[in-house]
Protein backbone atom coordinates (compact mmCIF):
# COMPACT_ATOMS: atom_id res chain seq x y z
CA MET A 1 -121.00 30.96 64.64
CA LEU A 2 -118.73 29.45 62.01
CA LYS A 3 -119.06 31.14 58.62
CA ILE A 4 -118.34 28.98 55.57
CA LEU A 5 -118.07 30.23 52.00
CA LEU A 6 -118.80 27.58 49.36
CA PRO A 7 -117.89 28.63 45.80
CA VAL A 8 -119.83 26.26 43.51
CA ASP A 9 -120.24 25.43 39.85
CA GLU A 10 -121.92 22.72 37.79
CA SER A 11 -119.24 20.10 38.48
CA LEU A 12 -119.50 17.05 40.72
CA TYR A 13 -116.69 18.49 42.81
CA SER A 14 -119.02 21.19 44.16
CA LEU A 15 -121.42 18.44 45.16
CA TYR A 16 -118.60 16.66 46.99
CA ALA A 17 -117.71 19.90 48.81
CA VAL A 18 -121.28 20.41 50.02
CA ARG A 19 -121.53 16.79 51.15
CA PHE A 20 -118.30 17.22 53.11
CA VAL A 21 -119.74 20.23 54.95
CA VAL A 22 -123.05 18.47 55.64
CA ALA A 23 -121.18 15.47 57.05
CA ARG A 24 -119.34 17.74 59.51
CA THR A 25 -122.21 19.97 60.67
CA LYS A 26 -122.52 18.24 64.07
CA LEU A 27 -118.85 18.91 64.62
CA LEU A 28 -118.91 22.48 63.32
CA GLY A 29 -121.88 23.53 65.45
CA SER A 30 -125.61 23.16 64.95
CA LYS A 31 -126.10 26.21 62.75
CA PRO A 32 -123.02 27.25 60.76
CA ARG A 33 -123.62 30.16 58.41
CA VAL A 34 -123.13 28.93 54.86
CA MET A 35 -123.05 30.97 51.66
CA LEU A 36 -123.21 29.35 48.22
CA LEU A 37 -121.44 31.51 45.67
CA ASN A 38 -121.66 30.99 41.92
CA ALA A 39 -119.79 33.08 39.36
CA GLN A 40 -121.06 33.25 35.78
CA MET A 41 -118.73 34.43 33.05
CA PRO A 42 -119.89 37.62 31.28
CA TRP A 43 -120.93 37.91 27.66
CA SER A 44 -119.14 40.38 25.42
CA GLU A 45 -120.11 44.05 25.73
CA ALA A 46 -120.74 44.17 21.99
CA LEU A 47 -123.32 41.43 22.26
CA LEU A 48 -125.01 43.03 25.27
CA LYS A 49 -125.24 46.39 23.49
CA ASN A 50 -127.15 44.68 20.69
CA GLY A 51 -130.12 43.98 22.94
CA ALA A 52 -129.00 40.74 24.57
CA ARG A 53 -128.95 42.09 28.13
CA GLU A 54 -132.35 40.60 29.01
CA ALA A 55 -131.40 37.25 27.47
CA PHE A 56 -128.14 37.27 29.44
CA ASP A 57 -129.88 38.04 32.75
CA GLU A 58 -132.30 35.18 32.11
CA PHE A 59 -129.42 32.86 31.26
CA VAL A 60 -127.59 33.74 34.50
CA THR A 61 -130.74 33.13 36.57
CA ARG A 62 -131.40 29.75 34.98
CA ALA A 63 -127.77 28.60 35.09
CA SER A 64 -127.28 29.53 38.73
CA GLU A 65 -130.58 27.96 39.81
CA LYS A 66 -129.60 24.73 38.08
CA ILE A 67 -126.44 24.71 40.21
CA PHE A 68 -128.02 25.84 43.49
CA ALA A 69 -131.11 23.57 43.46
CA PRO A 70 -129.49 20.16 44.24
CA LEU A 71 -127.01 21.70 46.69
CA ARG A 72 -129.80 23.59 48.47
CA LYS A 73 -131.70 20.32 48.88
CA ILE A 74 -128.72 18.57 50.48
CA LEU A 75 -128.07 21.43 52.92
CA ARG A 76 -131.70 21.65 53.97
CA THR A 77 -131.74 17.98 54.94
CA LYS A 78 -129.46 19.08 57.80
CA GLY A 79 -131.48 22.18 58.61
CA ILE A 80 -129.09 24.59 56.88
CA ASP A 81 -130.71 27.41 54.91
CA ALA A 82 -127.70 28.65 53.00
CA GLU A 83 -127.46 32.12 51.56
CA GLU A 84 -127.17 32.07 47.77
CA LYS A 85 -125.34 34.61 45.70
CA VAL A 86 -124.64 34.73 41.98
CA VAL A 87 -122.21 37.21 40.46
CA VAL A 88 -120.90 37.89 36.99
CA GLY A 89 -117.13 37.71 36.62
CA ARG A 90 -114.08 35.56 37.14
CA PRO A 91 -114.63 32.94 39.89
CA ALA A 92 -111.47 33.74 41.87
CA ASP A 93 -112.23 37.47 41.84
CA ALA A 94 -115.80 36.73 42.98
CA VAL A 95 -114.51 34.68 45.91
CA ALA A 96 -112.05 37.41 46.90
CA ALA A 97 -114.86 40.00 46.88
CA ALA A 98 -117.15 37.71 48.92
CA VAL A 99 -114.39 37.21 51.49
CA LYS A 100 -114.21 40.97 52.04
CA SER A 101 -117.99 41.14 52.33
CA ILE A 102 -118.88 38.26 54.68
CA ARG A 103 -115.47 37.59 56.28
CA PRO A 104 -115.78 33.77 56.37
CA ASP A 105 -113.80 31.59 58.75
CA LEU A 106 -113.33 28.93 56.08
CA ILE A 107 -113.64 28.53 52.31
CA VAL A 108 -114.64 25.04 51.13
CA MET A 109 -114.24 24.24 47.44
CA GLY A 110 -114.43 21.19 45.25
CA ALA A 111 -111.21 20.74 43.30
CA GLN A 112 -110.33 18.42 40.45
CA GLY A 113 -106.97 16.68 40.81
CA LEU A 114 -105.23 17.78 37.65
CA SER A 115 -101.83 16.40 36.73
CA ASN A 116 -98.81 18.49 37.69
CA VAL A 117 -98.18 19.49 34.08
CA LYS A 118 -101.77 20.66 33.56
CA LYS A 119 -101.65 22.44 36.90
CA LEU A 120 -98.55 24.36 35.96
CA PHE A 121 -99.66 25.45 32.51
CA LEU A 122 -103.42 25.84 32.91
CA GLY A 123 -103.57 27.19 36.44
CA SER A 124 -106.76 26.67 38.48
CA VAL A 125 -109.44 28.58 40.29
CA SER A 126 -108.36 27.04 43.59
CA THR A 127 -104.74 28.17 43.13
CA SER A 128 -105.94 31.67 42.32
CA VAL A 129 -108.27 31.78 45.33
CA ILE A 130 -105.43 30.73 47.64
CA SER A 131 -103.26 33.52 46.26
CA LYS A 132 -105.99 36.17 46.66
CA THR A 133 -107.14 35.57 50.24
CA ARG A 134 -105.72 34.79 53.67
CA VAL A 135 -108.76 32.72 54.71
CA PRO A 136 -108.02 28.96 55.05
CA VAL A 137 -109.15 27.09 51.94
CA LEU A 138 -110.34 23.48 52.21
CA LEU A 139 -110.12 21.66 48.86
CA VAL A 140 -112.38 18.59 48.68
CA ARG A 141 -110.99 16.20 46.12
CA GLY A 142 -113.60 13.44 45.72
CA ARG A 143 -116.73 11.73 46.99
CA ARG A 144 -115.04 10.14 50.03
CA VAL A 145 -116.38 11.51 53.34
CA SER A 146 -114.04 11.72 56.32
CA PRO A 147 -114.97 9.69 59.42
CA ALA A 148 -116.90 11.39 62.24
CA SER A 149 -114.22 10.39 64.77
CA GLY A 150 -110.64 9.21 64.73
CA MET A 151 -109.84 11.40 61.75
CA LYS A 152 -106.22 11.03 60.54
CA VAL A 153 -104.74 14.45 59.85
CA GLY A 154 -101.30 15.24 58.47
CA ILE A 155 -99.86 18.71 59.07
CA ALA A 156 -97.11 19.44 56.56
CA LEU A 157 -94.28 21.59 57.93
CA ASP A 158 -91.55 23.31 55.96
CA GLY A 159 -89.76 25.04 58.83
CA SER A 160 -91.36 28.41 58.09
CA GLY A 161 -94.20 30.47 59.54
CA ALA A 162 -96.52 28.92 56.96
CA GLY A 163 -96.21 25.52 58.63
CA ASP A 164 -96.76 27.05 62.07
CA ALA A 165 -99.90 28.76 60.72
CA ALA A 166 -101.16 25.35 59.58
CA ALA A 167 -100.73 23.94 63.09
CA SER A 168 -102.48 26.97 64.60
CA CYS A 169 -105.37 26.55 62.16
CA VAL A 170 -105.86 22.94 63.27
CA VAL A 171 -106.10 24.10 66.88
CA LYS A 172 -108.56 26.87 65.96
CA HIS A 173 -110.80 24.55 63.91
CA LEU A 174 -110.41 21.46 66.07
CA ALA A 175 -114.19 20.88 65.91
CA LEU A 176 -113.78 20.21 62.20
CA LEU A 177 -111.79 17.08 63.02
CA GLY A 178 -114.23 15.52 65.47
CA PRO A 179 -113.33 13.51 68.58
CA ASP A 180 -110.07 11.59 68.97
CA PRO A 181 -108.23 12.87 65.88
CA LYS A 182 -104.86 11.32 65.09
CA ILE A 183 -102.41 14.10 64.22
CA PHE A 184 -99.21 13.54 62.22
CA LEU A 185 -96.55 16.22 61.81
CA LEU A 186 -94.84 15.79 58.44
CA HIS A 187 -91.53 17.24 57.32
CA VAL A 188 -89.60 16.32 54.20
CA PHE A 189 -85.82 16.51 54.11
CA GLU A 190 -84.83 17.03 50.48
CA GLY A 191 -81.06 17.17 50.88
CA MET A 192 -80.33 13.44 51.19
CA ASP A 193 -82.54 12.62 48.24
CA GLY A 194 -80.57 15.05 46.11
CA ILE A 195 -77.25 13.55 47.22
CA LYS A 196 -78.50 10.03 46.45
CA ALA A 197 -79.44 11.15 42.94
CA TYR A 198 -75.96 12.58 42.35
CA GLU A 199 -74.30 9.43 43.71
CA THR A 200 -76.47 7.20 41.53
CA ALA A 201 -75.53 9.24 38.49
CA GLY A 202 -71.87 8.88 39.40
CA TYR A 203 -71.26 12.60 39.93
CA MET A 204 -70.03 12.30 43.51
CA THR A 205 -69.28 9.80 46.24
CA LEU A 206 -69.70 10.59 49.92
CA ASN A 207 -67.40 9.13 52.56
CA ASP A 208 -68.70 8.06 55.96
CA GLU A 209 -67.83 11.38 57.61
CA ASP A 210 -69.71 13.33 54.92
CA LYS A 211 -72.77 11.13 55.38
CA LYS A 212 -72.55 11.55 59.16
CA GLN A 213 -72.51 15.33 58.82
CA LEU A 214 -75.40 15.23 56.40
CA ARG A 215 -77.43 13.08 58.78
CA ALA A 216 -76.71 15.55 61.60
CA LEU A 217 -77.91 18.36 59.34
CA GLU A 218 -81.03 16.35 58.55
CA GLU A 219 -81.88 15.80 62.24
CA GLU A 220 -81.30 19.49 62.95
CA GLU A 221 -83.69 20.44 60.16
CA TYR A 222 -86.37 18.04 61.40
CA GLU A 223 -86.18 19.47 64.92
CA GLU A 224 -86.39 23.07 63.66
CA ALA A 225 -89.47 22.16 61.63
CA PHE A 226 -91.24 20.14 64.34
CA ALA A 227 -90.49 22.25 67.44
CA PRO A 228 -92.85 25.25 66.89
CA ALA A 229 -95.79 23.08 65.76
CA ARG A 230 -95.16 20.66 68.63
CA ARG A 231 -95.38 23.57 71.07
CA ILE A 232 -98.57 24.97 69.46
CA LEU A 233 -100.32 21.61 69.68
CA LYS A 234 -99.05 20.85 73.18
CA GLU A 235 -100.47 24.13 74.51
CA ALA A 236 -103.86 22.99 73.17
CA GLY A 237 -103.49 19.58 74.82
CA ILE A 238 -102.88 17.79 71.51
CA THR A 239 -100.21 15.16 70.97
CA ALA A 240 -98.90 14.32 67.52
CA GLN A 241 -96.72 11.69 65.89
CA GLU A 242 -93.70 13.17 64.12
CA VAL A 243 -93.00 11.70 60.69
CA LYS A 244 -89.64 12.18 58.95
CA LEU A 245 -89.80 11.93 55.16
CA GLU A 246 -87.20 12.27 52.41
CA GLY A 247 -87.52 13.20 48.76
CA MET A 248 -89.29 15.96 46.85
CA ALA A 249 -91.63 17.59 49.35
CA GLY A 250 -94.88 17.62 47.35
CA ASP A 251 -94.47 14.09 46.05
CA ALA A 252 -93.36 12.67 49.42
CA ILE A 253 -96.33 14.21 51.29
CA ALA A 254 -98.87 13.04 48.71
CA LYS A 255 -97.38 9.53 48.70
CA TYR A 256 -97.38 9.31 52.50
CA GLY A 257 -100.96 10.55 52.68
CA ALA A 258 -102.15 7.88 50.27
CA LYS A 259 -100.12 5.10 51.93
CA GLU A 260 -101.25 5.89 55.48
CA GLY A 261 -104.85 6.68 54.56
CA LEU A 262 -104.88 10.26 55.81
CA ASP A 263 -108.33 11.88 55.86
CA LEU A 264 -106.99 15.43 55.63
CA ILE A 265 -103.70 17.15 54.83
CA VAL A 266 -103.14 20.61 56.28
CA MET A 267 -100.36 22.77 54.92
CA GLY A 268 -99.24 26.36 54.85
CA SER A 269 -98.88 28.35 51.68
CA HIS A 270 -96.71 31.39 51.05
CA GLY A 271 -99.42 32.65 48.72
CA TYR A 272 -97.47 33.20 45.54
CA SER A 273 -99.30 34.70 42.59
CA ASN A 274 -100.49 32.25 39.94
CA PHE A 275 -97.64 33.17 37.62
CA LYS A 276 -94.98 32.81 40.29
CA SER A 277 -96.49 29.52 41.45
CA ALA A 278 -96.50 28.23 37.88
CA VAL A 279 -92.90 29.22 37.24
CA MET A 280 -91.42 28.28 40.61
CA GLY A 281 -93.79 25.48 41.48
CA SER A 282 -95.09 25.11 45.05
CA VAL A 283 -95.45 22.22 47.45
CA ALA A 284 -99.15 22.99 47.97
CA THR A 285 -99.75 22.93 44.21
CA ARG A 286 -97.95 19.61 43.82
CA VAL A 287 -99.87 18.00 46.68
CA ALA A 288 -103.14 19.40 45.31
CA ALA A 289 -102.39 17.83 41.94
CA GLU A 290 -102.22 14.32 43.36
CA GLY A 291 -104.72 11.98 44.98
CA LYS A 292 -108.17 12.51 46.46
CA ILE A 293 -107.35 13.52 50.04
CA PRO A 294 -109.02 16.77 51.19
CA LEU A 295 -106.41 19.51 51.47
CA LEU A 296 -106.65 22.46 53.87
CA VAL A 297 -104.37 25.27 52.71
CA VAL A 298 -103.52 28.00 55.21
CA ARG A 299 -101.74 31.21 54.30
CA GLY A 300 -98.71 31.83 56.43
């Protein structure tokens, strides 16, 4: 039985996440185990000591019921009686604790597509959840529901174990995709884009031999990125189209996904802490900040 953890709040994005799950229930099995998890922020200890504990408990009950009620109704239309749990604390910490408790196969969350700048400086619950758990996290970005069959799925590869983990996750959760999925392996070569920028700025000029060597390096990098994922999919009887992209990885993947109408992007994450991700940036964060395509993030 597939176990799905659904962290929810009062936003429309939680509604979109629940609708995504409901739309896939036939593919995920007739009776997936679903838990709705809501985290309420605590009041100050000083206020609670002054006799507000009862008022706070009542507030938490009312606030969580307001969130659960419409989601419960949607799930029950498909015969799913979800477990409901409300906790007091930071949302990401609550999700991490729930993961240890119920050991879900998949976390599904609604996520707002913030701009890159906001993402870097404000952080997000989804980024924090990804950094705190090794369970695959599916971020649902909008109201669009993926088709029941012929789903177009892009697996982003960076040549590391994280990309291979993404391919393995697709094989493990193949039912999530439905019949006849179209799989695209995506790798972005950043070297040529950087050289073009330097040439445009007049800092360097490459002769034909230099360009030839760079192209050979590019093809070698593509093959190293595609080969392990190609083998993983082939062993599962899955064929995939290999797509060679150039540019900044996060931007190139997001742009390709929008242009080709992908229904899902799957990518590995090295699971940096929020601070490290904010300072260094990450491809997963950049892709998550753009567009409305659902994003499945898998820890390598």
